[in-house]
């Protein structure tokens, strides 16, 4: 965490600018923004399950095309 103390005879505006600069240089905001919309990846099991479902669906479509129940 970034800490900034007010110097003697320093205006609040310059203190705020100095604080903002320190936060920016620390990379804290950049890390926080990158983690904000983090979505965990799918598990191996769910990937395999989805792939098998897709293969079965394509097989079913091909079967329907051969039987003439579906065009294209």
Protein backbone atom coordinates (compact mmCIF):
# COMPACT_ATOMS: atom_id res chain seq x y z
CA UNK A 1 0.00 0.00 0.00
CA UNK A 2 1.19 3.52 -0.74
CA UNK A 3 1.58 6.00 2.10
CA UNK A 4 2.15 9.72 1.68
CA UNK A 5 2.54 12.23 4.48
CA UNK A 6 1.88 15.91 4.10
CA UNK A 7 5.00 18.08 4.11
CA UNK A 8 5.16 21.34 5.99
CA UNK A 9 3.47 24.21 4.09
CA UNK A 10 2.26 21.83 1.34
CA UNK A 11 -1.12 22.44 -0.26
CA UNK A 12 -3.68 19.66 -0.48
CA UNK A 13 -3.52 19.86 -4.27
CA UNK A 14 0.20 19.14 -4.40
CA UNK A 15 -0.21 16.38 -1.79
CA UNK A 16 -2.90 14.79 -3.92
CA UNK A 17 -0.74 15.03 -7.06
CA UNK A 18 2.20 13.46 -5.23
CA UNK A 19 0.00 10.67 -3.87
CA UNK A 20 -1.51 9.98 -7.30
CA UNK A 21 1.93 9.81 -8.86
CA UNK A 22 3.11 7.32 -6.22
CA UNK A 23 0.06 5.13 -6.71
CA UNK A 24 0.58 5.18 -10.48
CA UNK A 25 4.28 4.31 -10.19
CA UNK A 26 3.62 1.50 -7.71
CA UNK A 27 1.44 -0.36 -10.26
CA UNK A 28 -1.22 -1.01 -7.61
CA UNK A 29 -4.13 0.31 -9.72
CA UNK A 30 -2.96 -1.57 -12.79
CA UNK A 31 -2.97 -4.86 -10.87
CA UNK A 32 -6.35 -4.14 -9.28
CA UNK A 33 -7.96 -3.32 -12.65
CA UNK A 34 -6.53 -6.45 -14.27
CA UNK A 35 -8.01 -8.62 -11.49
CA UNK A 36 -11.38 -6.91 -11.54
CA UNK A 37 -12.86 -8.95 -14.39
CA UNK A 38 -10.85 -12.15 -13.86
CA UNK A 39 -12.73 -15.26 -14.90
CA UNK A 40 -11.38 -18.64 -13.90
CA UNK A 41 -10.79 -21.06 -16.75
CA UNK A 42 -12.93 -24.13 -17.26
CA UNK A 43 -11.88 -27.37 -15.63
CA UNK A 44 -10.50 -30.19 -17.76
CA UNK A 45 -13.62 -32.24 -17.07
CA UNK A 46 -15.98 -29.56 -18.34
CA UNK A 47 -13.79 -28.97 -21.44
CA UNK A 48 -13.92 -32.68 -22.33
CA UNK A 49 -17.65 -32.84 -21.66
CA UNK A 50 -18.28 -29.86 -23.94
CA UNK A 51 -16.07 -31.30 -26.67
CA UNK A 52 -17.91 -34.64 -26.55
CA UNK A 53 -21.26 -32.85 -26.74
CA UNK A 54 -20.08 -30.88 -29.76
CA UNK A 55 -18.85 -34.04 -31.52
CA UNK A 56 -22.15 -35.80 -30.85
CA UNK A 57 -24.11 -32.82 -32.19
CA UNK A 58 -22.03 -32.68 -35.39
CA UNK A 59 -22.48 -36.43 -35.86
CA UNK A 60 -26.25 -36.03 -35.47
CA UNK A 61 -26.31 -33.18 -38.03
CA UNK A 62 -24.32 -35.25 -40.52
CA UNK A 63 -26.74 -38.15 -40.06
CA UNK A 64 -29.73 -35.87 -40.71
CA UNK A 65 -28.06 -34.48 -43.85
CA UNK A 66 -27.53 -38.00 -45.18
CA UNK A 67 -31.16 -38.88 -44.56
CA UNK A 68 -32.29 -35.69 -46.31
CA UNK A 69 -34.04 -34.30 -43.24
CA UNK A 70 -31.83 -31.24 -43.25
CA UNK A 71 -30.49 -29.11 -46.06
CA UNK A 72 -27.04 -27.54 -46.31
